[in-house]
């Protein structure tokens, strides 16, 4: 359906924005309050500056340094009910790290909510946590928002 295609496009655009280290584009795809749910390692004035300073963060504890990400494939898109207030996209993402030869391949669960005529991320997904160097992803990331 059209809503499913739009939800998939939103997730693809968000992952591409992270890969491009484009804080402004990524922030535009985050719903109200979504960024407040993650403790970014670098705080700046506003979402775009904070996100750009945090993407690829080199943790002093020597954790793997994020280098980039891409979507290998979208596994499923589910629209929540007739009102289409929410969506769940499961995508296989390939994450590259600067200090590792092998990429990490995992399924990311992304929850979206309607924002006007389009979709935005309802909360941070595992891909955002990885991009800013947070290795311990809370289990709540996999749970629906609300």
C-alpha atoms as a PDB file:
ATOM      1  CA  UNK A   1       0.000   0.000   0.000  1.00  0.00           C
ATOM      2  CA  UNK A   2       0.965   3.649  -0.249  1.00  0.00           C
ATOM      3  CA  UNK A   3       1.384   3.975   3.531  1.00  0.00           C
ATOM      4  CA  UNK A   4       3.709   0.973   3.622  1.00  0.00           C
ATOM      5  CA  UNK A   5       5.855   2.399   0.826  1.00  0.00           C
ATOM      6  CA  UNK A   6       6.027   5.777   2.593  1.00  0.00           C
ATOM      7  CA  UNK A   7       7.008   4.119   5.893  1.00  0.00           C
ATOM      8  CA  UNK A   8       9.760   2.147   4.151  1.00  0.00           C
ATOM      9  CA  UNK A   9      11.011   5.299   2.386  1.00  0.00           C
ATOM     10  CA  UNK A  10      11.177   7.125   5.733  1.00  0.00           C
ATOM     11  CA  UNK A  11      13.320   4.388   7.288  1.00  0.00           C
ATOM     12  CA  UNK A  12      15.576   4.276   4.228  1.00  0.00           C
ATOM     13  CA  UNK A  13      15.934   8.087   4.319  1.00  0.00           C
ATOM     14  CA  UNK A  14      16.795   8.031   8.034  1.00  0.00           C
ATOM     15  CA  UNK A  15      19.462   5.348   7.613  1.00  0.00           C
ATOM     16  CA  UNK A  16      20.895   7.231   4.609  1.00  0.00           C
ATOM     17  CA  UNK A  17      21.009  10.453   6.673  1.00  0.00           C
ATOM     18  CA  UNK A  18      22.974   8.646   9.404  1.00  0.00           C
ATOM     19  CA  UNK A  19      25.325   7.173   6.809  1.00  0.00           C
ATOM     20  CA  UNK A  20      25.846  10.672   5.356  1.00  0.00           C
ATOM     21  CA  UNK A  21      26.318  12.078   8.896  1.00  0.00           C
ATOM     22  CA  UNK A  22      23.567  14.553   8.047  1.00  0.00           C
ATOM     23  CA  UNK A  23      22.162  15.641  11.412  1.00  0.00           C
ATOM     24  CA  UNK A  24      19.651  18.042   9.933  1.00  0.00           C
ATOM     25  CA  UNK A  25      18.081  15.433   7.649  1.00  0.00           C
ATOM     26  CA  UNK A  26      18.091  12.777  10.390  1.00  0.00           C
ATOM     27  CA  UNK A  27      16.532  15.129  12.950  1.00  0.00           C
ATOM     28  CA  UNK A  28      13.772  16.067  10.507  1.00  0.00           C
ATOM     29  CA  UNK A  29      12.773  12.369  10.487  1.00  0.00           C
ATOM     30  CA  UNK A  30      12.680  12.016  14.281  1.00  0.00           C
ATOM     31  CA  UNK A  31       9.272  12.496  15.872  1.00  0.00           C
ATOM     32  CA  UNK A  32       8.598  14.771  18.852  1.00  0.00           C
ATOM     33  CA  UNK A  33      10.476  13.567  21.916  1.00  0.00           C
ATOM     34  CA  UNK A  34      12.316  10.776  20.076  1.00  0.00           C
ATOM     35  CA  UNK A  35      15.786  12.236  20.581  1.00  0.00           C
ATOM     36  CA  UNK A  36      15.116  12.801  24.287  1.00  0.00           C
ATOM     37  CA  UNK A  37      14.954   9.010  24.671  1.00  0.00           C
ATOM     38  CA  UNK A  38      18.666   8.570  23.907  1.00  0.00           C
ATOM     39  CA  UNK A  39      21.663   9.940  25.794  1.00  0.00           C
ATOM     40  CA  UNK A  40      23.889  11.307  23.052  1.00  0.00           C
ATOM     41  CA  UNK A  41      27.609  11.320  23.891  1.00  0.00           C
ATOM     42  CA  UNK A  42      28.058  14.847  22.517  1.00  0.00           C
ATOM     43  CA  UNK A  43      25.522  17.551  23.385  1.00  0.00           C
ATOM     44  CA  UNK A  44      25.360  20.704  21.295  1.00  0.00           C
ATOM     45  CA  UNK A  45      22.762  23.389  20.712  1.00  0.00           C
ATOM     46  CA  UNK A  46      19.898  21.666  18.927  1.00  0.00           C
ATOM     47  CA  UNK A  47      19.299  18.246  17.425  1.00  0.00           C
ATOM     48  CA  UNK A  48      21.314  18.540  14.170  1.00  0.00           C
ATOM     49  CA  UNK A  49      24.527  19.750  15.845  1.00  0.00           C
ATOM     50  CA  UNK A  50      24.235  17.193  18.664  1.00  0.00           C
ATOM     51  CA  UNK A  51      23.611  14.343  16.244  1.00  0.00           C
ATOM     52  CA  UNK A  52      26.416  15.329  13.854  1.00  0.00           C
ATOM     53  CA  UNK A  53      28.889  15.604  16.757  1.00  0.00           C
ATOM     54  CA  UNK A  54      27.762  12.210  18.118  1.00  0.00           C
ATOM     55  CA  UNK A  55      27.654  10.126  14.919  1.00  0.00           C
ATOM     56  CA  UNK A  56      30.814   8.024  14.772  1.00  0.00           C
ATOM     57  CA  UNK A  57      31.675   8.907  18.378  1.00  0.00           C
ATOM     58  CA  UNK A  58      34.981   7.386  19.484  1.00  0.00           C
ATOM     59  CA  UNK A  59      34.318   6.108  22.995  1.00  0.00           C
ATOM     60  CA  UNK A  60      37.384   6.392  25.267  1.00  0.00           C
ATOM     61  CA  UNK A  61      36.662   2.849  26.508  1.00  0.00           C
ATOM     62  CA  UNK A  62      37.745   1.532  23.111  1.00  0.00           C
ATOM     63  CA  UNK A  63      34.371   0.327  21.857  1.00  0.00           C
ATOM     64  CA  UNK A  64      34.013  -0.256  18.088  1.00  0.00           C
ATOM     65  CA  UNK A  65      33.847   3.013  16.161  1.00  0.00           C
ATOM     66  CA  UNK A  66      30.844   3.301  13.840  1.00  0.00           C
ATOM     67  CA  UNK A  67      31.811   4.054  10.255  1.00  0.00           C
ATOM     68  CA  UNK A  68      28.615   3.722   8.232  1.00  0.00           C
ATOM     69  CA  UNK A  69      25.404   1.830   7.625  1.00  0.00           C
ATOM     70  CA  UNK A  70      23.158   0.685   4.828  1.00  0.00           C
ATOM     71  CA  UNK A  71      19.935  -1.268   4.503  1.00  0.00           C
ATOM     72  CA  UNK A  72      20.470  -4.646   2.882  1.00  0.00           C
ATOM     73  CA  UNK A  73      16.734  -5.269   2.648  1.00  0.00           C
ATOM     74  CA  UNK A  74      13.438  -4.378   4.238  1.00  0.00           C
ATOM     75  CA  UNK A  75      11.979  -7.566   5.683  1.00  0.00           C
ATOM     76  CA  UNK A  76       8.524  -6.316   6.649  1.00  0.00           C
ATOM     77  CA  UNK A  77       6.328  -3.238   6.978  1.00  0.00           C
ATOM     78  CA  UNK A  78       3.258  -3.306   9.201  1.00  0.00           C
ATOM     79  CA  UNK A  79       0.767  -0.472   9.420  1.00  0.00           C
ATOM     80  CA  UNK A  80      -1.030  -0.235  12.754  1.00  0.00           C
ATOM     81  CA  UNK A  81      -4.789  -0.385  12.225  1.00  0.00           C
ATOM     82  CA  UNK A  82      -7.137   1.441   9.908  1.00  0.00           C
ATOM     83  CA  UNK A  83      -6.260   4.850  11.331  1.00  0.00           C
ATOM     84  CA  UNK A  84      -2.619   4.319  10.281  1.00  0.00           C
ATOM     85  CA  UNK A  85      -1.287   6.062  13.361  1.00  0.00           C
ATOM     86  CA  UNK A  86       1.805   3.906  13.566  1.00  0.00           C
ATOM     87  CA  UNK A  87       4.003   1.568  11.602  1.00  0.00           C
ATOM     88  CA  UNK A  88       6.681  -1.022  12.308  1.00  0.00           C
ATOM     89  CA  UNK A  89       9.452  -1.582   9.794  1.00  0.00           C
ATOM     90  CA  UNK A  90      11.932  -4.442  10.155  1.00  0.00           C
ATOM     91  CA  UNK A  91      15.051  -3.887   8.082  1.00  0.00           C
ATOM     92  CA  UNK A  92      18.274  -5.851   7.779  1.00  0.00           C
ATOM     93  CA  UNK A  93      21.056  -3.321   8.288  1.00  0.00           C
ATOM     94  CA  UNK A  94      24.748  -3.682   7.570  1.00  0.00           C
ATOM     95  CA  UNK A  95      26.859  -1.604   9.948  1.00  0.00           C
ATOM     96  CA  UNK A  96      30.520  -0.936   9.223  1.00  0.00           C
ATOM     97  CA  UNK A  97      33.005  -0.159  11.978  1.00  0.00           C
ATOM     98  CA  UNK A  98      36.272   1.713  11.377  1.00  0.00           C
ATOM     99  CA  UNK A  99      38.326  -0.743  13.411  1.00  0.00           C
ATOM    100  CA  UNK A 100      36.814  -4.030  12.197  1.00  0.00           C
ATOM    101  CA  UNK A 101      37.148  -5.908   8.917  1.00  0.00           C
ATOM    102  CA  UNK A 102      33.746  -7.570   9.115  1.00  0.00           C
ATOM    103  CA  UNK A 103      30.511  -5.579   9.161  1.00  0.00           C
ATOM    104  CA  UNK A 104      27.754  -6.274  11.658  1.00  0.00           C
ATOM    105  CA  UNK A 105      24.506  -7.512  10.107  1.00  0.00           C
ATOM    106  CA  UNK A 106      21.333  -7.384  12.169  1.00  0.00           C
ATOM    107  CA  UNK A 107      17.631  -6.767  11.879  1.00  0.00           C
ATOM    108  CA  UNK A 108      16.568  -3.377  13.183  1.00  0.00           C
ATOM    109  CA  UNK A 109      13.018  -2.733  14.341  1.00  0.00           C
ATOM    110  CA  UNK A 110      11.915   0.824  13.591  1.00  0.00           C
ATOM    111  CA  UNK A 111       8.683   2.269  14.956  1.00  0.00           C
ATOM    112  CA  UNK A 112       7.098   5.170  13.115  1.00  0.00           C
ATOM    113  CA  UNK A 113       4.294   7.551  13.872  1.00  0.00           C
ATOM    114  CA  UNK A 114       2.311   9.889  11.636  1.00  0.00           C
ATOM    115  CA  UNK A 115       3.427  13.504  11.505  1.00  0.00           C
ATOM    116  CA  UNK A 116       1.071  15.498   9.355  1.00  0.00           C
ATOM    117  CA  UNK A 117       1.017  13.787   5.983  1.00  0.00           C
ATOM    118  CA  UNK A 118       4.191  11.768   6.521  1.00  0.00           C
ATOM    119  CA  UNK A 119       5.980   9.347   8.819  1.00  0.00           C
ATOM    120  CA  UNK A 120       8.638  10.062  11.458  1.00  0.00           C
ATOM    121  CA  UNK A 121      10.499   7.767  13.837  1.00  0.00           C
ATOM    122  CA  UNK A 122       8.547   7.410  17.072  1.00  0.00           C
ATOM    123  CA  UNK A 123      11.720   6.528  18.979  1.00  0.00           C
ATOM    124  CA  UNK A 124      15.396   5.756  18.365  1.00  0.00           C
ATOM    125  CA  UNK A 125      16.142   2.400  16.766  1.00  0.00           C
ATOM    126  CA  UNK A 126      19.201   0.203  17.305  1.00  0.00           C
ATOM    127  CA  UNK A 127      20.817   1.750  14.217  1.00  0.00           C
ATOM    128  CA  UNK A 128      20.838   5.193  15.848  1.00  0.00           C
ATOM    129  CA  UNK A 129      22.319   3.771  19.050  1.00  0.00           C
ATOM    130  CA  UNK A 130      25.088   2.090  17.041  1.00  0.00           C
ATOM    131  CA  UNK A 131      25.789   5.258  15.028  1.00  0.00           C
ATOM    132  CA  UNK A 132      26.473   7.291  18.182  1.00  0.00           C
ATOM    133  CA  UNK A 133      28.627   4.617  19.798  1.00  0.00           C
ATOM    134  CA  UNK A 134      26.190   3.246  22.376  1.00  0.00           C
ATOM    135  CA  UNK A 135      26.961  -0.481  22.559  1.00  0.00           C
ATOM    136  CA  UNK A 136      24.382  -1.421  25.184  1.00  0.00           C
ATOM    137  CA  UNK A 137      21.069  -1.022  23.417  1.00  0.00           C
ATOM    138  CA  UNK A 138      18.167  -1.093  25.876  1.00  0.00           C
ATOM    139  CA  UNK A 139      15.563  -3.847  25.350  1.00  0.00           C
ATOM    140  CA  UNK A 140      12.900  -1.108  25.230  1.00  0.00           C
ATOM    141  CA  UNK A 141      14.116  -0.307  21.696  1.00  0.00           C
ATOM    142  CA  UNK A 142      12.346  -3.441  20.456  1.00  0.00           C
ATOM    143  CA  UNK A 143       9.084  -2.659  22.234  1.00  0.00           C
ATOM    144  CA  UNK A 144       6.345  -0.599  20.590  1.00  0.00           C
ATOM    145  CA  UNK A 145       6.208   3.041  21.717  1.00  0.00           C
ATOM    146  CA  UNK A 146       3.654   4.144  24.234  1.00  0.00           C
END
